[in-house]
């Protein structure tokens, strides 16, 4: 079993009058790692660095803006 992750998650912070995003907050930007079967990882960092957003994006509570989540050779991003 292998878990590969390459993710981006941006939140719009400024929009036009018609609602089109023009500025984004880069909460998770090009995060990547792989986890082999039987291993555990920990994500550490400062408050507000994107740890929770990364977890929520992996769990699909947030939709990613780019990248892939690959589990056992299958892309489960979409």
N, C-alpha and C. Protein backbone atom coordinates (compact mmCIF):
# COMPACT_ATOMS: atom_id res chain seq x y z
N UNK A 1 0.85 -1.18 0.00
CA UNK A 1 0.00 0.00 0.00
C UNK A 1 0.89 1.24 0.00
N UNK A 2 0.55 2.17 -0.83
CA UNK A 2 1.33 3.40 -0.94
C UNK A 2 0.37 4.58 -1.09
N UNK A 3 0.70 5.66 -0.43
CA UNK A 3 -0.11 6.88 -0.48
C UNK A 3 0.79 8.00 -0.97
N UNK A 4 0.47 8.61 -2.11
CA UNK A 4 1.22 9.74 -2.66
C UNK A 4 0.32 10.96 -2.68
N UNK A 5 0.91 12.11 -2.41
CA UNK A 5 0.12 13.32 -2.33
C UNK A 5 0.87 14.48 -2.95
N UNK A 6 0.20 15.22 -3.80
CA UNK A 6 0.69 16.47 -4.38
C UNK A 6 -0.51 17.40 -4.40
N UNK A 7 -0.54 18.42 -3.56
CA UNK A 7 -1.75 19.22 -3.43
C UNK A 7 -1.52 20.72 -3.46
N UNK A 8 -2.56 21.42 -3.92
CA UNK A 8 -2.66 22.88 -3.83
C UNK A 8 -4.08 23.19 -3.37
N UNK A 9 -4.22 24.15 -2.48
CA UNK A 9 -5.54 24.62 -2.06
C UNK A 9 -5.46 26.12 -1.84
N UNK A 10 -6.20 26.86 -2.65
CA UNK A 10 -6.24 28.32 -2.57
C UNK A 10 -7.67 28.75 -2.23
N UNK A 11 -7.79 29.80 -1.41
CA UNK A 11 -9.09 30.37 -1.09
C UNK A 11 -9.17 31.77 -1.68
N UNK A 12 -10.28 32.11 -2.37
CA UNK A 12 -10.42 33.47 -2.91
C UNK A 12 -10.59 34.48 -1.77
N UNK A 13 -9.83 35.58 -1.84
CA UNK A 13 -9.95 36.62 -0.80
C UNK A 13 -10.43 37.95 -1.37
N UNK A 14 -10.43 38.07 -2.69
CA UNK A 14 -10.93 39.29 -3.34
C UNK A 14 -11.57 38.90 -4.66
N UNK A 15 -12.75 39.45 -4.93
CA UNK A 15 -13.46 39.13 -6.16
C UNK A 15 -13.89 40.40 -6.88
N UNK A 16 -14.22 40.24 -8.15
CA UNK A 16 -14.78 41.34 -8.92
C UNK A 16 -16.24 41.53 -8.53
N UNK A 17 -16.87 42.53 -9.07
CA UNK A 17 -18.29 42.76 -8.78
C UNK A 17 -19.17 41.60 -9.24
N UNK A 18 -18.70 40.86 -10.23
CA UNK A 18 -19.45 39.71 -10.73
C UNK A 18 -19.09 38.41 -10.00
N UNK A 19 -18.22 38.48 -9.01
CA UNK A 19 -17.88 37.31 -8.21
C UNK A 19 -16.70 36.50 -8.70
N UNK A 20 -15.99 36.97 -9.73
CA UNK A 20 -14.83 36.23 -10.22
C UNK A 20 -13.64 36.51 -9.29
N UNK A 21 -12.99 35.47 -8.76
CA UNK A 21 -11.84 35.68 -7.87
C UNK A 21 -10.67 36.34 -8.60
N UNK A 22 -10.05 37.32 -7.94
CA UNK A 22 -8.88 37.97 -8.53
C UNK A 22 -7.65 37.87 -7.62
N UNK A 23 -7.87 37.57 -6.34
CA UNK A 23 -6.74 37.35 -5.41
C UNK A 23 -7.05 36.14 -4.54
N UNK A 24 -6.01 35.38 -4.26
CA UNK A 24 -6.18 34.14 -3.50
C UNK A 24 -5.23 34.11 -2.30
N UNK A 25 -5.67 33.39 -1.26
CA UNK A 25 -4.82 33.03 -0.14
C UNK A 25 -4.34 31.62 -0.41
N UNK A 26 -3.03 31.44 -0.49
CA UNK A 26 -2.46 30.12 -0.77
C UNK A 26 -2.31 29.38 0.56
N UNK A 27 -3.32 28.59 0.91
CA UNK A 27 -3.31 27.86 2.18
C UNK A 27 -2.40 26.64 2.12
N UNK A 28 -2.44 25.92 1.02
CA UNK A 28 -1.59 24.75 0.78
C UNK A 28 -1.04 24.92 -0.62
N UNK A 29 0.27 25.04 -0.74
CA UNK A 29 0.86 25.32 -2.05
C UNK A 29 1.99 24.33 -2.33
N UNK A 30 1.73 23.40 -3.25
CA UNK A 30 2.70 22.40 -3.67
C UNK A 30 3.21 21.54 -2.52
N UNK A 31 2.32 21.03 -1.70
CA UNK A 31 2.69 20.10 -0.64
C UNK A 31 2.74 18.71 -1.26
N UNK A 32 3.81 17.98 -0.98
CA UNK A 32 3.92 16.63 -1.50
C UNK A 32 4.62 15.73 -0.50
N UNK A 33 4.16 14.51 -0.41
CA UNK A 33 4.83 13.49 0.40
C UNK A 33 4.30 12.13 0.00
N UNK A 34 5.00 11.08 0.42
CA UNK A 34 4.52 9.73 0.19
C UNK A 34 4.65 8.96 1.50
N UNK A 35 3.72 8.05 1.71
CA UNK A 35 3.67 7.25 2.92
C UNK A 35 3.61 5.78 2.50
N UNK A 36 4.57 5.00 2.95
CA UNK A 36 4.59 3.57 2.64
C UNK A 36 3.73 2.82 3.64
N UNK A 37 3.33 1.64 3.26
CA UNK A 37 2.49 0.80 4.12
C UNK A 37 3.19 0.56 5.46
N UNK A 38 2.43 0.65 6.54
CA UNK A 38 2.95 0.38 7.87
C UNK A 38 3.68 1.54 8.52
N UNK A 39 3.69 2.70 7.87
CA UNK A 39 4.37 3.86 8.45
C UNK A 39 3.35 4.93 8.82
N UNK A 40 3.78 5.81 9.67
CA UNK A 40 2.94 6.92 10.13
C UNK A 40 3.71 8.21 9.94
N UNK A 41 3.02 9.29 9.59
CA UNK A 41 3.67 10.58 9.48
C UNK A 41 2.97 11.57 10.40
N UNK A 42 3.66 12.63 10.71
CA UNK A 42 3.10 13.72 11.47
C UNK A 42 3.32 15.02 10.71
N UNK A 43 2.35 15.89 10.73
CA UNK A 43 2.46 17.18 10.07
C UNK A 43 2.57 18.23 11.17
N UNK A 44 3.67 18.94 11.18
CA UNK A 44 3.91 19.95 12.21
C UNK A 44 4.21 21.29 11.55
N UNK A 45 3.93 22.36 12.27
CA UNK A 45 4.21 23.70 11.76
C UNK A 45 3.55 24.75 12.63
N UNK A 46 3.82 25.98 12.28
CA UNK A 46 3.28 27.11 13.02
C UNK A 46 1.77 27.18 12.88
N UNK A 47 1.16 27.90 13.79
CA UNK A 47 -0.26 28.15 13.72
C UNK A 47 -0.57 28.92 12.43
N UNK A 48 -1.57 28.44 11.70
CA UNK A 48 -1.97 29.12 10.47
C UNK A 48 -1.17 28.75 9.25
N UNK A 49 -0.35 27.70 9.32
CA UNK A 49 0.49 27.35 8.17
C UNK A 49 -0.19 26.41 7.17
N UNK A 50 -1.40 25.91 7.49
CA UNK A 50 -2.13 25.08 6.54
C UNK A 50 -2.27 23.62 6.91
N UNK A 51 -1.90 23.24 8.12
CA UNK A 51 -2.00 21.83 8.52
C UNK A 51 -3.44 21.32 8.47
N UNK A 52 -4.36 22.06 9.04
CA UNK A 52 -5.76 21.65 9.05
C UNK A 52 -6.34 21.66 7.64
N UNK A 53 -6.01 22.65 6.85
CA UNK A 53 -6.49 22.70 5.47
C UNK A 53 -5.96 21.52 4.67
N UNK A 54 -4.71 21.15 4.90
CA UNK A 54 -4.15 19.96 4.24
C UNK A 54 -4.96 18.73 4.61
N UNK A 55 -5.22 18.52 5.89
CA UNK A 55 -6.01 17.37 6.32
C UNK A 55 -7.40 17.37 5.76
N UNK A 56 -8.05 18.51 5.77
CA UNK A 56 -9.41 18.61 5.24
C UNK A 56 -9.44 18.38 3.73
N UNK A 57 -8.40 18.79 3.03
CA UNK A 57 -8.33 18.57 1.59
C UNK A 57 -8.10 17.09 1.29
N UNK A 58 -7.25 16.43 2.08
CA UNK A 58 -7.04 14.99 1.91
C UNK A 58 -8.34 14.23 2.14
N UNK A 59 -9.11 14.65 3.15
CA UNK A 59 -10.38 14.00 3.46
C UNK A 59 -11.52 14.43 2.54
N UNK A 60 -11.22 15.32 1.60
CA UNK A 60 -12.17 15.85 0.63
C UNK A 60 -13.27 16.70 1.25
N UNK A 61 -12.97 17.31 2.39
CA UNK A 61 -13.89 18.28 2.97
C UNK A 61 -13.72 19.62 2.27
N UNK A 62 -12.54 19.84 1.68
CA UNK A 62 -12.26 20.97 0.79
C UNK A 62 -11.86 20.39 -0.56
N UNK A 63 -12.26 21.04 -1.63
CA UNK A 63 -11.86 20.61 -2.97
C UNK A 63 -10.49 21.22 -3.27
N UNK A 64 -9.56 20.41 -3.77
CA UNK A 64 -8.23 20.92 -4.09
C UNK A 64 -8.26 21.76 -5.36
N UNK A 65 -7.29 22.67 -5.48
CA UNK A 65 -7.15 23.49 -6.68
C UNK A 65 -6.16 22.91 -7.66
N UNK A 66 -5.50 21.86 -7.27
CA UNK A 66 -4.53 21.23 -8.15
C UNK A 66 -3.85 20.08 -7.44
N UNK A 67 -3.24 19.22 -8.20
CA UNK A 67 -2.51 18.10 -7.64
C UNK A 67 -3.31 16.82 -7.65
N UNK A 68 -2.73 15.79 -7.05
CA UNK A 68 -3.33 14.46 -7.05
C UNK A 68 -3.18 13.81 -5.68
N UNK A 69 -4.13 12.95 -5.36
CA UNK A 69 -4.02 12.06 -4.22
C UNK A 69 -4.07 10.65 -4.78
N UNK A 70 -2.99 9.89 -4.61
CA UNK A 70 -2.91 8.56 -5.19
C UNK A 70 -2.81 7.54 -4.06
N UNK A 71 -3.75 6.61 -4.03
CA UNK A 71 -3.79 5.57 -3.00
C UNK A 71 -3.81 4.22 -3.69
N UNK A 72 -2.82 3.39 -3.38
CA UNK A 72 -2.68 2.06 -4.01
C UNK A 72 -2.69 2.14 -5.54
N UNK A 73 -2.03 3.14 -6.09
CA UNK A 73 -1.93 3.28 -7.52
C UNK A 73 -3.14 3.89 -8.21
N UNK A 74 -4.16 4.24 -7.45
CA UNK A 74 -5.39 4.81 -8.03
C UNK A 74 -5.53 6.27 -7.61
N UNK A 75 -5.78 7.13 -8.58
CA UNK A 75 -5.98 8.54 -8.31
C UNK A 75 -7.37 8.74 -7.69
N UNK A 76 -7.42 9.15 -6.42
CA UNK A 76 -8.70 9.32 -5.73
C UNK A 76 -9.03 10.80 -5.55
N UNK A 77 -8.38 11.67 -6.31
CA UNK A 77 -8.59 13.10 -6.16
C UNK A 77 -10.01 13.52 -6.50
N UNK A 78 -10.57 12.96 -7.58
CA UNK A 78 -11.90 13.40 -8.01
C UNK A 78 -13.00 12.49 -7.63
